Amino acid sequence: MSYGLRFAPEALDQLQALEDYIAQASSASRAAAYVNAIVDYCQQLKTFPHRGTVRVDLRAGLRIIGFRRRVTILFEVSDGTVTIIGIYYGGRQYEPRSRGEDQGGDF
């Protein structure tokens, strides 16, 4: 069974902020390639969505997976769709946000 995939608006904003951050620190092409690799990795969840670590202590149905040791991806699987909830780079705290607590700031 193949699942649908969607990115929550916050996750899309986080991807854009990450791309901007990397582009300023390195180059636009390197930033785009890195963000595209994250998106491609998320696309793989369509065929095997029930992986990662379950974090019901933070939110019902929440799962997390890592990407290249620098990115934490938060997602949930429901009704045949994988929803990417958040993408956190470089050790940023995802736990308060997953509980609905705003920590503010980007990179």
PDB file of N, CA and C in Angstrom:
ATOM      1  N   MET A   1       0.840  -1.184   0.000  1.00  0.00           N
ATOM      2  CA  MET A   1       0.000   0.000   0.000  1.00  0.00           C
ATOM      3  C   MET A   1       0.881   1.242   0.000  1.00  0.00           C
ATOM      4  N   SER A   2       0.538   2.175  -0.816  1.00  0.00           N
ATOM      5  CA  SER A   2       1.251   3.441  -0.864  1.00  0.00           C
ATOM      6  C   SER A   2       0.423   4.523  -0.174  1.00  0.00           C
ATOM      7  N   TYR A   3       1.053   5.280   0.668  1.00  0.00           N
ATOM      8  CA  TYR A   3       0.395   6.341   1.414  1.00  0.00           C
ATOM      9  C   TYR A   3       0.568   7.668   0.684  1.00  0.00           C
ATOM     10  N   GLY A   4      -0.326   8.594   0.963  1.00  0.00           N
ATOM     11  CA  GLY A   4      -0.148   9.953   0.491  1.00  0.00           C
ATOM     12  C   GLY A   4       0.854  10.665   1.389  1.00  0.00           C
ATOM     13  N   LEU A   5       1.382  11.769   0.918  1.00  0.00           N
ATOM     14  CA  LEU A   5       2.335  12.545   1.709  1.00  0.00           C
ATOM     15  C   LEU A   5       1.970  14.012   1.606  1.00  0.00           C
ATOM     16  N   ARG A   6       1.964  14.672   2.766  1.00  0.00           N
ATOM     17  CA  ARG A   6       1.740  16.111   2.769  1.00  0.00           C
ATOM     18  C   ARG A   6       2.646  16.748   3.797  1.00  0.00           C
ATOM     19  N   PHE A   7       3.001  17.982   3.539  1.00  0.00           N
ATOM     20  CA  PHE A   7       3.819  18.767   4.462  1.00  0.00           C
ATOM     21  C   PHE A   7       2.931  19.814   5.108  1.00  0.00           C
ATOM     22  N   ALA A   8       2.934  19.857   6.428  1.00  0.00           N
ATOM     23  CA  ALA A   8       2.205  20.898   7.144  1.00  0.00           C
ATOM     24  C   ALA A   8       2.849  22.245   6.806  1.00  0.00           C
ATOM     25  N   PRO A   9       2.076  23.327   6.855  1.00  0.00           N
ATOM     26  CA  PRO A   9       2.639  24.644   6.541  1.00  0.00           C
ATOM     27  C   PRO A   9       3.885  24.982   7.369  1.00  0.00           C
ATOM     28  N   GLU A  10       3.892  24.623   8.645  1.00  0.00           N
ATOM     29  CA  GLU A  10       5.069  24.891   9.475  1.00  0.00           C
ATOM     30  C   GLU A  10       6.295  24.143   8.960  1.00  0.00           C
ATOM     31  N   ALA A  11       6.114  22.909   8.512  1.00  0.00           N
ATOM     32  CA  ALA A  11       7.237  22.134   7.983  1.00  0.00           C
ATOM     33  C   ALA A  11       7.783  22.781   6.711  1.00  0.00           C
ATOM     34  N   LEU A  12       6.902  23.272   5.853  1.00  0.00           N
ATOM     35  CA  LEU A  12       7.349  23.966   4.643  1.00  0.00           C
ATOM     36  C   LEU A  12       8.114  25.239   4.996  1.00  0.00           C
ATOM     37  N   ASP A  13       7.621  25.967   5.997  1.00  0.00           N
ATOM     38  CA  ASP A  13       8.328  27.164   6.457  1.00  0.00           C
ATOM     39  C   ASP A  13       9.708  26.806   6.998  1.00  0.00           C
ATOM     40  N   GLN A  14       9.799  25.705   7.729  1.00  0.00           N
ATOM     41  CA  GLN A  14      11.078  25.272   8.281  1.00  0.00           C
ATOM     42  C   GLN A  14      12.054  24.870   7.178  1.00  0.00           C
ATOM     43  N   LEU A  15      11.546  24.206   6.139  1.00  0.00           N
ATOM     44  CA  LEU A  15      12.412  23.859   5.006  1.00  0.00           C
ATOM     45  C   LEU A  15      12.940  25.121   4.332  1.00  0.00           C
ATOM     46  N   GLN A  16      12.077  26.104   4.145  1.00  0.00           N
ATOM     47  CA  GLN A  16      12.503  27.354   3.510  1.00  0.00           C
ATOM     48  C   GLN A  16      13.531  28.077   4.371  1.00  0.00           C
ATOM     49  N   ALA A  17      13.298  28.127   5.675  1.00  0.00           N
ATOM     50  CA  ALA A  17      14.246  28.778   6.585  1.00  0.00           C
ATOM     51  C   ALA A  17      15.590  28.057   6.570  1.00  0.00           C
ATOM     52  N   LEU A  18      15.559  26.730   6.519  1.00  0.00           N
ATOM     53  CA  LEU A  18      16.790  25.950   6.459  1.00  0.00           C
ATOM     54  C   LEU A  18      17.539  26.236   5.159  1.00  0.00           C
ATOM     55  N   GLU A  19      16.811  26.269   4.058  1.00  0.00           N
ATOM     56  CA  GLU A  19      17.449  26.558   2.775  1.00  0.00           C
ATOM     57  C   GLU A  19      18.087  27.952   2.786  1.00  0.00           C
ATOM     58  N   ASP A  20      17.379  28.928   3.323  1.00  0.00           N
ATOM     59  CA  ASP A  20      17.929  30.289   3.414  1.00  0.00           C
ATOM     60  C   ASP A  20      19.187  30.318   4.273  1.00  0.00           C
ATOM     61  N   TYR A  21      19.137  29.620   5.393  1.00  0.00           N
ATOM     62  CA  TYR A  21      20.272  29.567   6.316  1.00  0.00           C
ATOM     63  C   TYR A  21      21.510  28.959   5.651  1.00  0.00           C
ATOM     64  N   ILE A  22      21.323  27.831   4.992  1.00  0.00           N
ATOM     65  CA  ILE A  22      22.450  27.161   4.339  1.00  0.00           C
ATOM     66  C   ILE A  22      22.965  27.992   3.174  1.00  0.00           C
ATOM     67  N   ALA A  23      22.068  28.621   2.432  1.00  0.00           N
ATOM     68  CA  ALA A  23      22.479  29.461   1.304  1.00  0.00           C
ATOM     69  C   ALA A  23      23.354  30.615   1.779  1.00  0.00           C
ATOM     70  N   GLN A  24      23.018  31.203   2.916  1.00  0.00           N
ATOM     71  CA  GLN A  24      23.833  32.303   3.458  1.00  0.00           C
ATOM     72  C   GLN A  24      25.177  31.805   3.962  1.00  0.00           C
ATOM     73  N   ALA A  25      25.187  30.629   4.560  1.00  0.00           N
ATOM     74  CA  ALA A  25      26.421  30.084   5.117  1.00  0.00           C
ATOM     75  C   ALA A  25      27.311  29.441   4.064  1.00  0.00           C
ATOM     76  N   SER A  26      26.715  28.983   2.954  1.00  0.00           N
ATOM     77  CA  SER A  26      27.479  28.251   1.953  1.00  0.00           C
ATOM     78  C   SER A  26      27.153  28.754   0.554  1.00  0.00           C
ATOM     79  N   SER A  27      26.174  28.114  -0.085  1.00  0.00           N
ATOM     80  CA  SER A  27      25.764  28.528  -1.429  1.00  0.00           C
ATOM     81  C   SER A  27      24.319  28.114  -1.679  1.00  0.00           C
ATOM     82  N   ALA A  28      23.689  28.791  -2.609  1.00  0.00           N
ATOM     83  CA  ALA A  28      22.289  28.494  -2.943  1.00  0.00           C
ATOM     84  C   ALA A  28      22.152  27.083  -3.514  1.00  0.00           C
ATOM     85  N   SER A  29      23.113  26.662  -4.318  1.00  0.00           N
ATOM     86  CA  SER A  29      23.001  25.323  -4.917  1.00  0.00           C
ATOM     87  C   SER A  29      23.162  24.232  -3.855  1.00  0.00           C
ATOM     88  N   ARG A  30      24.085  24.428  -2.921  1.00  0.00           N
ATOM     89  CA  ARG A  30      24.265  23.451  -1.846  1.00  0.00           C
ATOM     90  C   ARG A  30      23.018  23.402  -0.957  1.00  0.00           C
ATOM     91  N   ALA A  31      22.441  24.562  -0.688  1.00  0.00           N
ATOM     92  CA  ALA A  31      21.228  24.635   0.137  1.00  0.00           C
ATOM     93  C   ALA A  31      20.072  23.912  -0.535  1.00  0.00           C
ATOM     94  N   ALA A  32      19.877  24.165  -1.819  1.00  0.00           N
ATOM     95  CA  ALA A  32      18.789  23.520  -2.554  1.00  0.00           C
ATOM     96  C   ALA A  32      18.978  22.006  -2.598  1.00  0.00           C
ATOM     97  N   ALA A  33      20.209  21.560  -2.799  1.00  0.00           N
ATOM     98  CA  ALA A  33      20.475  20.121  -2.860  1.00  0.00           C
ATOM     99  C   ALA A  33      20.179  19.455  -1.517  1.00  0.00           C
ATOM    100  N   TYR A  34      20.551  20.115  -0.425  1.00  0.00           N
ATOM    101  CA  TYR A  34      20.318  19.542   0.898  1.00  0.00           C
ATOM    102  C   TYR A  34      18.825  19.457   1.205  1.00  0.00           C
ATOM    103  N   VAL A  35      18.102  20.517   0.930  1.00  0.00           N
ATOM    104  CA  VAL A  35      16.654  20.525   1.183  1.00  0.00           C
ATOM    105  C   VAL A  35      15.957  19.511   0.277  1.00  0.00           C
ATOM    106  N   ASN A  36      16.380  19.406  -0.964  1.00  0.00           N
ATOM    107  CA  ASN A  36      15.794  18.405  -1.868  1.00  0.00           C
ATOM    108  C   ASN A  36      16.047  16.988  -1.355  1.00  0.00           C
ATOM    109  N   ALA A  37      17.217  16.754  -0.761  1.00  0.00           N
ATOM    110  CA  ALA A  37      17.516  15.433  -0.194  1.00  0.00           C
ATOM    111  C   ALA A  37      16.593  15.127   0.986  1.00  0.00           C
ATOM    112  N   ILE A  38      16.286  16.132   1.796  1.00  0.00           N
ATOM    113  CA  ILE A  38      15.342  15.940   2.899  1.00  0.00           C
ATOM    114  C   ILE A  38      13.962  15.594   2.360  1.00  0.00           C
ATOM    115  N   VAL A  39      13.515  16.323   1.358  1.00  0.00           N
ATOM    116  CA  VAL A  39      12.197  16.062   0.761  1.00  0.00           C
ATOM    117  C   VAL A  39      12.159  14.663   0.164  1.00  0.00           C
ATOM    118  N   ASP A  40      13.216  14.269  -0.540  1.00  0.00           N
ATOM    119  CA  ASP A  40      13.277  12.918  -1.110  1.00  0.00           C
ATOM    120  C   ASP A  40      13.199  11.856  -0.019  1.00  0.00           C
ATOM    121  N   TYR A  41      13.873  12.092   1.091  1.00  0.00           N
ATOM    122  CA  TYR A  41      13.834  11.169   2.222  1.00  0.00           C
ATOM    123  C   TYR A  41      12.411  11.062   2.773  1.00  0.00           C
ATOM    124  N   CYS A  42      11.744  12.191   2.876  1.00  0.00           N
ATOM    125  CA  CYS A  42      10.350  12.194   3.339  1.00  0.00           C
ATOM    126  C   CYS A  42       9.451  11.432   2.357  1.00  0.00           C
ATOM    127  N   GLN A  43       9.736  11.538   1.076  1.00  0.00           N
ATOM    128  CA  GLN A  43       8.952  10.829   0.065  1.00  0.00           C
ATOM    129  C   GLN A  43       9.001   9.317   0.288  1.00  0.00           C
ATOM    130  N   GLN A  44      10.101   8.817   0.832  1.00  0.00           N
ATOM    131  CA  GLN A  44      10.238   7.387   1.084  1.00  0.00           C
ATOM    132  C   GLN A  44       9.255   6.891   2.139  1.00  0.00           C
ATOM    133  N   LEU A  45       8.736   7.807   2.941  1.00  0.00           N
ATOM    134  CA  LEU A  45       7.756   7.417   3.960  1.00  0.00           C
ATOM    135  C   LEU A  45       6.441   6.944   3.334  1.00  0.00           C
ATOM    136  N   LYS A  46       6.221   7.259   2.077  1.00  0.00           N
ATOM    137  CA  LYS A  46       4.983   6.827   1.407  1.00  0.00           C
ATOM    138  C   LYS A  46       4.894   5.311   1.297  1.00  0.00           C
ATOM    139  N   THR A  47       6.035   4.637   1.216  1.00  0.00           N
ATOM    140  CA  THR A  47       6.012   3.183   1.060  1.00  0.00           C
ATOM    141  C   THR A  47       6.257   2.426   2.361  1.00  0.00           C
ATOM    142  N   PHE A  48       6.849   3.089   3.338  1.00  0.00           N
ATOM    143  CA  PHE A  48       7.094   2.444   4.624  1.00  0.00           C
ATOM    144  C   PHE A  48       6.963   3.493   5.732  1.00  0.00           C
ATOM    145  N   PRO A  49       5.718   3.880   6.040  1.00  0.00           N
ATOM    146  CA  PRO A  49       5.513   5.019   6.942  1.00  0.00           C
ATOM    147  C   PRO A  49       5.665   4.723   8.430  1.00  0.00           C
ATOM    148  N   HIS A  50       5.530   3.481   8.827  1.00  0.00           N
ATOM    149  CA  HIS A  50       5.539   3.171  10.259  1.00  0.00           C
ATOM    150  C   HIS A  50       6.948   2.845  10.749  1.00  0.00           C
ATOM    151  N   ARG A  51       7.847   3.783  10.520  1.00  0.00           N
ATOM    152  CA  ARG A  51       9.218   3.628  11.002  1.00  0.00           C
ATOM    153  C   ARG A  51       9.548   4.807  11.909  1.00  0.00           C
ATOM    154  N   GLY A  52      10.721   4.804  12.407  1.00  0.00           N
ATOM    155  CA  GLY A  52      11.110   5.874  13.312  1.00  0.00           C
ATOM    156  C   GLY A  52      10.726   5.532  14.742  1.00  0.00           C
ATOM    157  N   THR A  53      10.839   6.516  15.587  1.00  0.00           N
ATOM    158  CA  THR A  53      10.545   6.352  16.999  1.00  0.00           C
ATOM    159  C   THR A  53       9.184   6.946  17.305  1.00  0.00           C
ATOM    160  N   VAL A  54       8.342   6.185  17.965  1.00  0.00           N
ATOM    161  CA  VAL A  54       7.020   6.667  18.370  1.00  0.00           C
ATOM    162  C   VAL A  54       7.201   7.556  19.598  1.00  0.00           C
ATOM    163  N   ARG A  55       6.585   8.742  19.572  1.00  0.00           N
ATOM    164  CA  ARG A  55       6.701   9.682  20.693  1.00  0.00           C
ATOM    165  C   ARG A  55       5.318  10.122  21.169  1.00  0.00           C
ATOM    166  N   VAL A  56       4.525   9.154  21.611  1.00  0.00           N
ATOM    167  CA  VAL A  56       3.192   9.478  22.126  1.00  0.00           C
ATOM    168  C   VAL A  56       3.269  10.278  23.416  1.00  0.00           C
ATOM    169  N   ASP A  57       4.433  10.304  24.053  1.00  0.00           N
ATOM    170  CA  ASP A  57       4.611  11.132  25.248  1.00  0.00           C
ATOM    171  C   ASP A  57       4.538  12.624  24.913  1.00  0.00           C
ATOM    172  N   LEU A  58       4.761  12.963  23.646  1.00  0.00           N
ATOM    173  CA  LEU A  58       4.696  14.354  23.209  1.00  0.00           C
ATOM    174  C   LEU A  58       3.373  14.695  22.528  1.00  0.00           C
ATOM    175  N   ARG A  59       2.871  13.724  21.751  1.00  0.00           N
ATOM    176  CA  ARG A  59       1.646  13.959  20.978  1.00  0.00           C
ATOM    177  C   ARG A  59       1.156  12.620  20.446  1.00  0.00           C
ATOM    178  N   ALA A  60      -0.127  12.395  20.509  1.00  0.00           N
ATOM    179  CA  ALA A  60      -0.689  11.134  20.016  1.00  0.00           C
ATOM    180  C   ALA A  60      -0.346  10.948  18.541  1.00  0.00           C
ATOM    181  N   GLY A  61       0.198   9.765  18.222  1.00  0.00           N
ATOM    182  CA  GLY A  61       0.505   9.428  16.835  1.00  0.00           C
ATOM    183  C   GLY A  61       1.808  10.000  16.300  1.00  0.00           C
ATOM    184  N   LEU A  62       2.552  10.723  17.100  1.00  0.00           N
ATOM    185  CA  LEU A  62       3.779  11.367  16.636  1.00  0.00           C
ATOM    186  C   LEU A  62       4.900  10.349  16.486  1.00  0.00           C
ATOM    187  N   ARG A  63       5.633  10.479  15.394  1.00  0.00           N
ATOM    188  CA  ARG A  63       6.823   9.676  15.137  1.00  0.00           C
ATOM    189  C   ARG A  63       7.952  10.616  14.756  1.00  0.00           C
ATOM    190  N   ILE A  64       9.188  10.194  15.028  1.00  0.00           N
ATOM    191  CA  ILE A  64      10.343  10.984  14.618  1.00  0.00           C
ATOM    192  C   ILE A  64      11.362  10.081  13.942  1.00  0.00           C
ATOM    193  N   ILE A  65      12.048  10.656  12.966  1.00  0.00           N
ATOM    194  CA  ILE A  65      13.172   9.984  12.318  1.00  0.00           C
ATOM    195  C   ILE A  65      14.274  11.014  12.122  1.00  0.00           C
ATOM    196  N   GLY A  66      15.482  10.521  12.027  1.00  0.00           N
ATOM    197  CA  GLY A  66      16.619  11.398  11.778  1.00  0.00           C
ATOM    198  C   GLY A  66      17.043  11.329  10.326  1.00  0.00           C
ATOM    199  N   PHE A  67      17.682  12.397   9.889  1.00  0.00           N
ATOM    200  CA  PHE A  67      18.230  12.472   8.539  1.00  0.00           C
ATOM    201  C   PHE A  67      19.657  13.000   8.639  1.00  0.00           C
ATOM    202  N   ARG A  68      20.611  12.202   8.225  1.00  0.00           N
ATOM    203  CA  ARG A  68      22.036  12.566   8.187  1.00  0.00           C
ATOM    204  C   ARG A  68      22.540  13.156   9.506  1.00  0.00           C
ATOM    205  N   ARG A  69      22.049  12.673  10.595  1.00  0.00           N
ATOM    206  CA  ARG A  69      22.482  13.046  11.940  1.00  0.00           C
ATOM    207  C   ARG A  69      22.319  14.513  12.284  1.00  0.00           C
ATOM    208  N   ARG A  70      21.755  15.325  11.417  1.00  0.00           N
ATOM    209  CA  ARG A  70      21.612  16.754  11.674  1.00  0.00           C
ATOM    210  C   ARG A  70      20.161  17.221  11.665  1.00  0.00           C
ATOM    211  N   VAL A  71      19.272  16.408  11.124  1.00  0.00           N
ATOM    212  CA  VAL A  71      17.878  16.821  10.959  1.00  0.00           C
ATOM    213  C   VAL A  71      16.975  15.817  11.671  1.00  0.00           C
ATOM    214  N   THR A  72      15.992  16.343  12.387  1.00  0.00           N
ATOM    215  CA  THR A  72      14.958  15.518  12.997  1.00  0.00           C
ATOM    216  C   THR A  72      13.647  15.840  12.304  1.00  0.00           C
ATOM    217  N   ILE A  73      12.980  14.810  11.814  1.00  0.00           N
ATOM    218  CA  ILE A  73      11.720  14.971  11.094  1.00  0.00           C
ATOM    219  C   ILE A  73      10.600  14.413  11.963  1.00  0.00           C
ATOM    220  N   LEU A  74       9.593  15.242  12.220  1.00  0.00           N
ATOM    221  CA  LEU A  74       8.416  14.834  12.985  1.00  0.00           C
ATOM    222  C   LEU A  74       7.283  14.581  12.007  1.00  0.00           C
ATOM    223  N   PHE A  75       6.578  13.451  12.189  1.00  0.00           N
ATOM    224  CA  PHE A  75       5.483  13.140  11.283  1.00  0.00           C
ATOM    225  C   PHE A  75       4.451  12.282  11.986  1.00  0.00           C
ATOM    226  N   GLU A  76       3.295  12.177  11.351  1.00  0.00           N
ATOM    227  CA  GLU A  76       2.257  11.277  11.830  1.00  0.00           C
ATOM    228  C   GLU A  76       1.623  10.591  10.632  1.00  0.00           C
ATOM    229  N   VAL A  77       1.078   9.413  10.894  1.00  0.00           N
ATOM    230  CA  VAL A  77       0.429   8.611   9.865  1.00  0.00           C
ATOM    231  C   VAL A  77      -1.028   8.448  10.261  1.00  0.00           C
ATOM    232  N   SER A  78      -1.918   8.868   9.369  1.00  0.00           N
ATOM    233  CA  SER A  78      -3.340   8.788   9.665  1.00  0.00           C
ATOM    234  C   SER A  78      -4.141   8.729   8.379  1.00  0.00           C
ATOM    235  N   ASP A  79      -5.112   7.840   8.338  1.00  0.00           N
ATOM    236  CA  ASP A  79      -6.029   7.734   7.199  1.00  0.00           C
ATOM    237  C   ASP A  79      -5.315   7.645   5.850  1.00  0.00           C
ATOM    238  N   GLY A  80      -4.250   6.856   5.791  1.00  0.00           N
ATOM    239  CA  GLY A  80      -3.551   6.640   4.535  1.00  0.00           C
ATOM    240  C   GLY A  80      -2.672   7.802   4.097  1.00  0.00           C
ATOM    241  N   THR A  81      -2.392   8.742   4.996  1.00  0.00           N
ATOM    242  CA  THR A  81      -1.553   9.894   4.657  1.00  0.00           C
ATOM    243  C   THR A  81      -0.472  10.085   5.710  1.00  0.00           C
ATOM    244  N   VAL A  82       0.718  10.346   5.242  1.00  0.00           N
ATOM    245  CA  VAL A  82       1.823  10.722   6.108  1.00  0.00           C
ATOM    246  C   VAL A  82       1.895  12.242   6.086  1.00  0.00           C
ATOM    247  N   THR A  83       1.824  12.853   7.253  1.00  0.00           N
ATOM    248  CA  THR A  83       1.917  14.309   7.351  1.00  0.00           C
ATOM    249  C   THR A  83       3.217  14.668   8.044  1.00  0.00           C
ATOM    250  N   ILE A  84       4.051  15.407   7.341  1.00  0.00           N
ATOM    251  CA  ILE A  84       5.289  15.908   7.918  1.00  0.00           C
ATOM    252  C   ILE A  84       4.915  17.136   8.741  1.00  0.00           C
ATOM    253  N   ILE A  85       5.134  17.052  10.040  1.00  0.00           N
ATOM    254  CA  ILE A  85       4.716  18.101  10.958  1.00  0.00           C
ATOM    255  C   ILE A  85       5.812  19.138  11.157  1.00  0.00           C
ATOM    256  N   GLY A  86       7.051  18.677  11.233  1.00  0.00           N
ATOM    257  CA  GLY A  86       8.144  19.604  11.482  1.00  0.00           C
ATOM    258  C   GLY A  86       9.479  19.037  11.048  1.00  0.00           C
ATOM    259  N   ILE A  87      10.405  19.948  10.741  1.00  0.00           N
ATOM    260  CA  ILE A  87      11.751  19.575  10.331  1.00  0.00           C
ATOM    261  C   ILE A  87      12.704  20.461  11.121  1.00  0.00           C
ATOM    262  N   TYR A  88      13.484  19.839  11.987  1.00  0.00           N
ATOM    263  CA  TYR A  88      14.351  20.570  12.909  1.00  0.00           C
ATOM    264  C   TYR A  88      15.806  20.252  12.617  1.00  0.00           C
ATOM    265  N   TYR A  89      16.592  21.289  12.460  1.00  0.00           N
ATOM    266  CA  TYR A  89      17.986  21.165  12.050  1.00  0.00           C
ATOM    267  C   TYR A  89      18.936  21.454  13.212  1.00  0.00           C
ATOM    268  N   GLY A  90      19.993  20.685  13.283  1.00  0.00           N
ATOM    269  CA  GLY A  90      21.110  20.990  14.157  1.00  0.00           C
ATOM    270  C   GLY A  90      20.807  21.036  15.638  1.00  0.00           C
ATOM    271  N   GLY A  91      20.028  20.117  16.128  1.00  0.00           N
ATOM    272  CA  GLY A  91      19.789  20.035  17.553  1.00  0.00           C
ATOM    273  C   GLY A  91      18.725  20.979  18.088  1.00  0.00           C
ATOM    274  N   ARG A  92      17.978  21.625  17.202  1.00  0.00           N
ATOM    275  CA  ARG A  92      16.900  22.508  17.667  1.00  0.00           C
ATOM    276  C   ARG A  92      15.893  21.695  18.465  1.00  0.00           C
ATOM    277  N   GLN A  93      15.316  22.300  19.436  1.00  0.00           N
ATOM    278  CA  GLN A  93      14.373  21.632  20.332  1.00  0.00           C
ATOM    279  C   GLN A  93      13.011  21.477  19.656  1.00  0.00           C
ATOM    280  N   TYR A  94      12.641  20.257  19.357  1.00  0.00           N
ATOM    281  CA  TYR A  94      11.332  20.006  18.762  1.00  0.00           C
ATOM    282  C   TYR A  94      10.296  19.643  19.812  1.00  0.00           C
ATOM    283  N   GLU A  95      10.727  19.192  20.967  1.00  0.00           N
ATOM    284  CA  GLU A  95       9.778  18.709  21.972  1.00  0.00           C
ATOM    285  C   GLU A  95       8.789  19.774  22.438  1.00  0.00           C
ATOM    286  N   PRO A  96       9.224  20.994  22.799  1.00  0.00           N
ATOM    287  CA  PRO A  96       8.238  21.996  23.219  1.00  0.00           C
ATOM    288  C   PRO A  96       7.244  22.351  22.109  1.00  0.00           C
ATOM    289  N   ARG A  97       7.714  22.449  20.875  1.00  0.00           N
ATOM    290  CA  ARG A  97       6.816  22.794  19.763  1.00  0.00           C
ATOM    291  C   ARG A  97       5.820  21.682  19.486  1.00  0.00           C
ATOM    292  N   SER A  98       6.240  20.438  19.642  1.00  0.00           N
ATOM    293  CA  SER A  98       5.321  19.336  19.380  1.00  0.00           C
ATOM    294  C   SER A  98       4.197  19.297  20.419  1.00  0.00           C
ATOM    295  N   ARG A  99       4.443  19.922  21.560  1.00  0.00           N
ATOM    296  CA  ARG A  99       3.409  20.032  22.597  1.00  0.00           C
ATOM    297  C   ARG A  99       2.579  21.297  22.434  1.00  0.00           C
ATOM    298  N   GLY A 100       2.925  22.130  21.429  1.00  0.00           N
ATOM    299  CA  GLY A 100       2.187  23.361  21.213  1.00  0.00           C
ATOM    300  C   GLY A 100       2.787  24.565  21.909  1.00  0.00           C
ATOM    301  N   GLU A 101       3.974  24.411  22.497  1.00  0.00           N
ATOM    302  CA  GLU A 101       4.644  25.520  23.162  1.00  0.00           C
ATOM    303  C   GLU A 101       5.553  26.213  22.149  1.00  0.00           C
ATOM    304  N   ASP A 102       5.362  27.506  21.920  1.00  0.00           N
ATOM    305  CA  ASP A 102       6.171  28.238  20.953  1.00  0.00           C
ATOM    306  C   ASP A 102       7.508  28.621  21.574  1.00  0.00           C
ATOM    307  N   GLN A 103       8.600  28.255  20.917  1.00  0.00           N
ATOM    308  CA  GLN A 103       9.925  28.602  21.409  1.00  0.00           C
ATOM    309  C   GLN A 103      10.511  29.791  20.661  1.00  0.00           C
ATOM    310  N   GLY A 104       9.860  30.177  19.568  1.00  0.00           N
ATOM    311  CA  GLY A 104      10.323  31.341  18.803  1.00  0.00           C
ATOM    312  C   GLY A 104      11.662  31.103  18.129  1.00  0.00           C
ATOM    313  N   GLY A 105      12.008  32.029  17.261  1.00  0.00           N
ATOM    314  CA  GLY A 105      13.306  32.014  16.597  1.00  0.00           C
ATOM    315  C   GLY A 105      13.452  30.930  15.556  1.00  0.00           C
ATOM    316  N   ASP A 106      14.356  31.195  14.630  1.00  0.00           N
ATOM    317  CA  ASP A 106      14.699  30.194  13.635  1.00  0.00           C
ATOM    318  C   ASP A 106      16.147  29.792  13.856  1.00  0.00           C
ATOM    319  N   PHE A 107      16.971  29.869  12.877  1.00  0.00           N
ATOM    320  CA  PHE A 107      18.337  29.380  12.988  1.00  0.00           C
ATOM    321  C   PHE A 107      19.191  30.375  13.624  1.00  0.00           C
TER     322      PHE A 107
END
